[in-house]
Amino acid sequence: MPHRQDKAHDILHAVEHPIETAKALEHEAEEGSSARTPVIAVAGVTLVVFAIFVVMFAIAMTVYFVEGGR
């Protein structure tokens, strides 16, 4: 049972301190010795690509509606 409590505490800490969690994950990915390294790297790239897509989509929709939706 203590294992579940430890996991719950780790998740709660990650939610409360996202900057620290991001820095820890970045350090873990840079080190490269963890089995989670590929997942961390792919998730980071996915988030960056998604952010770029959202910005491009917002610009496209703004231009579309400003021009009258033609």
N, C-alpha and C. Protein backbone atom coordinates (compact mmCIF):
# COMPACT_ATOMS: atom_id res chain seq x y z
N MET A 1 0.80 -1.20 0.00
CA MET A 1 0.00 0.00 0.00
C MET A 1 0.85 1.27 0.00
N PRO A 2 1.99 1.30 0.67
CA PRO A 2 2.79 2.53 0.67
C PRO A 2 3.23 2.93 -0.74
N HIS A 3 3.37 1.95 -1.62
CA HIS A 3 3.78 2.26 -2.99
C HIS A 3 2.74 3.16 -3.68
N ARG A 4 1.48 2.88 -3.49
CA ARG A 4 0.41 3.72 -4.07
C ARG A 4 0.42 5.11 -3.47
N GLN A 5 0.66 5.19 -2.18
CA GLN A 5 0.71 6.50 -1.53
C GLN A 5 1.89 7.31 -2.03
N ASP A 6 3.02 6.66 -2.26
CA ASP A 6 4.18 7.36 -2.81
C ASP A 6 3.90 7.89 -4.21
N LYS A 7 3.26 7.06 -5.03
CA LYS A 7 2.91 7.49 -6.38
C LYS A 7 1.93 8.66 -6.35
N ALA A 8 0.94 8.58 -5.48
CA ALA A 8 -0.04 9.66 -5.36
C ALA A 8 0.64 10.94 -4.91
N HIS A 9 1.58 10.84 -4.00
CA HIS A 9 2.32 12.01 -3.53
C HIS A 9 3.16 12.60 -4.66
N ASP A 10 3.80 11.75 -5.46
CA ASP A 10 4.61 12.22 -6.59
C ASP A 10 3.74 12.94 -7.62
N ILE A 11 2.57 12.40 -7.90
CA ILE A 11 1.66 13.03 -8.87
C ILE A 11 1.17 14.36 -8.33
N LEU A 12 0.82 14.41 -7.07
CA LEU A 12 0.36 15.65 -6.45
C LEU A 12 1.46 16.71 -6.49
N HIS A 13 2.68 16.31 -6.21
CA HIS A 13 3.82 17.24 -6.26
C HIS A 13 4.02 17.75 -7.69
N ALA A 14 3.88 16.87 -8.68
CA ALA A 14 4.06 17.27 -10.08
C ALA A 14 2.99 18.28 -10.51
N VAL A 15 1.78 18.11 -10.02
CA VAL A 15 0.69 19.03 -10.36
C VAL A 15 0.90 20.37 -9.66
N GLU A 16 1.38 20.33 -8.44
CA GLU A 16 1.58 21.56 -7.67
C GLU A 16 2.78 22.36 -8.16
N HIS A 17 3.79 21.68 -8.68
CA HIS A 17 5.02 22.35 -9.09
C HIS A 17 5.40 21.95 -10.52
N PRO A 18 4.68 22.44 -11.53
CA PRO A 18 4.94 22.00 -12.90
C PRO A 18 6.31 22.43 -13.44
N ILE A 19 6.82 23.58 -13.00
CA ILE A 19 8.12 24.05 -13.48
C ILE A 19 9.22 23.10 -13.00
N GLU A 20 9.17 22.73 -11.72
CA GLU A 20 10.16 21.81 -11.19
C GLU A 20 10.08 20.46 -11.89
N THR A 21 8.86 20.00 -12.16
CA THR A 21 8.67 18.73 -12.84
C THR A 21 9.24 18.79 -14.25
N ALA A 22 9.00 19.88 -14.97
CA ALA A 22 9.53 20.03 -16.32
C ALA A 22 11.05 20.03 -16.31
N LYS A 23 11.64 20.73 -15.34
CA LYS A 23 13.10 20.76 -15.24
C LYS A 23 13.66 19.37 -14.94
N ALA A 24 12.98 18.64 -14.06
CA ALA A 24 13.44 17.29 -13.72
C ALA A 24 13.35 16.37 -14.94
N LEU A 25 12.26 16.48 -15.70
CA LEU A 25 12.11 15.66 -16.91
C LEU A 25 13.15 16.05 -17.95
N GLU A 26 13.44 17.34 -18.07
CA GLU A 26 14.46 17.79 -19.02
C GLU A 26 15.82 17.21 -18.64
N HIS A 27 16.13 17.26 -17.36
CA HIS A 27 17.41 16.71 -16.90
C HIS A 27 17.47 15.21 -17.16
N GLU A 28 16.36 14.52 -16.92
CA GLU A 28 16.33 13.07 -17.14
C GLU A 28 16.51 12.74 -18.62
N ALA A 29 15.91 13.54 -19.50
CA ALA A 29 16.05 13.31 -20.94
C ALA A 29 17.47 13.61 -21.41
N GLU A 30 18.08 14.66 -20.87
CA GLU A 30 19.46 14.99 -21.24
C GLU A 30 20.43 13.91 -20.81
N GLU A 31 20.18 13.36 -19.63
CA GLU A 31 21.06 12.31 -19.11
C GLU A 31 20.98 11.07 -19.99
N GLY A 32 19.77 10.72 -20.39
CA GLY A 32 19.57 9.62 -21.34
C GLY A 32 19.70 8.23 -20.78
N SER A 33 19.81 8.07 -19.49
CA SER A 33 20.00 6.73 -18.92
C SER A 33 18.69 6.07 -18.52
N SER A 34 17.60 6.78 -18.62
CA SER A 34 16.31 6.25 -18.19
C SER A 34 15.59 5.59 -19.37
N ALA A 35 14.75 4.64 -19.07
CA ALA A 35 13.94 4.00 -20.11
C ALA A 35 12.85 4.95 -20.62
N ARG A 36 12.55 5.98 -19.83
CA ARG A 36 11.51 6.94 -20.23
C ARG A 36 12.03 8.03 -21.17
N THR A 37 13.33 8.07 -21.44
CA THR A 37 13.92 9.13 -22.24
C THR A 37 13.26 9.29 -23.61
N PRO A 38 13.05 8.22 -24.39
CA PRO A 38 12.41 8.41 -25.70
C PRO A 38 10.99 8.98 -25.59
N VAL A 39 10.25 8.55 -24.59
CA VAL A 39 8.89 9.05 -24.41
C VAL A 39 8.91 10.53 -24.06
N ILE A 40 9.84 10.94 -23.21
CA ILE A 40 9.96 12.34 -22.83
C ILE A 40 10.31 13.19 -24.05
N ALA A 41 11.24 12.71 -24.86
CA ALA A 41 11.66 13.46 -26.05
C ALA A 41 10.52 13.57 -27.07
N VAL A 42 9.83 12.49 -27.32
CA VAL A 42 8.72 12.51 -28.27
C VAL A 42 7.60 13.42 -27.76
N ALA A 43 7.31 13.37 -26.48
CA ALA A 43 6.27 14.23 -25.91
C ALA A 43 6.66 15.70 -26.04
N GLY A 44 7.92 16.02 -25.83
CA GLY A 44 8.37 17.40 -25.98
C GLY A 44 8.23 17.90 -27.40
N VAL A 45 8.65 17.08 -28.35
CA VAL A 45 8.53 17.47 -29.77
C VAL A 45 7.06 17.60 -30.15
N THR A 46 6.23 16.70 -29.67
CA THR A 46 4.80 16.76 -29.98
C THR A 46 4.17 18.04 -29.43
N LEU A 47 4.53 18.43 -28.23
CA LEU A 47 3.99 19.66 -27.66
C LEU A 47 4.42 20.89 -28.45
N VAL A 48 5.66 20.93 -28.90
CA VAL A 48 6.13 22.07 -29.68
C VAL A 48 5.41 22.14 -31.03
N VAL A 49 5.28 21.01 -31.70
CA VAL A 49 4.58 20.98 -32.99
C VAL A 49 3.12 21.36 -32.81
N PHE A 50 2.49 20.89 -31.75
CA PHE A 50 1.09 21.22 -31.49
C PHE A 50 0.93 22.72 -31.23
N ALA A 51 1.85 23.30 -30.48
CA ALA A 51 1.78 24.74 -30.21
C ALA A 51 1.92 25.55 -31.49
N ILE A 52 2.83 25.15 -32.36
CA ILE A 52 2.99 25.82 -33.65
C ILE A 52 1.72 25.69 -34.48
N PHE A 53 1.12 24.50 -34.48
CA PHE A 53 -0.12 24.28 -35.22
C PHE A 53 -1.24 25.17 -34.70
N VAL A 54 -1.37 25.29 -33.40
CA VAL A 54 -2.43 26.11 -32.81
C VAL A 54 -2.25 27.58 -33.21
N VAL A 55 -1.03 28.08 -33.17
CA VAL A 55 -0.78 29.46 -33.55
C VAL A 55 -1.10 29.67 -35.03
N MET A 56 -0.65 28.76 -35.88
CA MET A 56 -0.92 28.89 -37.33
C MET A 56 -2.42 28.82 -37.60
N PHE A 57 -3.12 27.93 -36.91
CA PHE A 57 -4.56 27.80 -37.10
C PHE A 57 -5.28 29.07 -36.66
N ALA A 58 -4.86 29.65 -35.55
CA ALA A 58 -5.47 30.89 -35.07
C ALA A 58 -5.25 32.03 -36.05
N ILE A 59 -4.07 32.12 -36.60
CA ILE A 59 -3.79 33.16 -37.60
C ILE A 59 -4.65 32.94 -38.84
N ALA A 60 -4.73 31.70 -39.31
CA ALA A 60 -5.53 31.40 -40.50
C ALA A 60 -7.01 31.72 -40.28
N MET A 61 -7.54 31.36 -39.13
CA MET A 61 -8.95 31.64 -38.86
C MET A 61 -9.20 33.14 -38.71
N THR A 62 -8.26 33.85 -38.12
CA THR A 62 -8.40 35.31 -38.00
C THR A 62 -8.45 35.95 -39.37
N VAL A 63 -7.53 35.56 -40.25
CA VAL A 63 -7.51 36.12 -41.61
C VAL A 63 -8.78 35.73 -42.35
N TYR A 64 -9.22 34.50 -42.20
CA TYR A 64 -10.43 34.04 -42.87
C TYR A 64 -11.65 34.88 -42.47
N PHE A 65 -11.84 35.10 -41.19
CA PHE A 65 -13.01 35.83 -40.74
C PHE A 65 -12.89 37.33 -40.96
N VAL A 66 -11.70 37.87 -40.95
CA VAL A 66 -11.51 39.30 -41.23
C VAL A 66 -11.83 39.59 -42.69
N GLU A 67 -11.52 38.64 -43.56
CA GLU A 67 -11.77 38.81 -44.99
C GLU A 67 -13.22 38.49 -45.36
N GLY A 68 -14.04 38.18 -44.43
CA GLY A 68 -15.46 37.97 -44.70
C GLY A 68 -15.84 36.53 -44.94
N GLY A 69 -14.95 35.60 -44.73
CA GLY A 69 -15.28 34.19 -44.88
C GLY A 69 -15.48 33.73 -46.31
N ARG A 70 -14.83 34.36 -47.23
CA ARG A 70 -14.98 33.96 -48.64
C ARG A 70 -14.21 32.74 -48.96
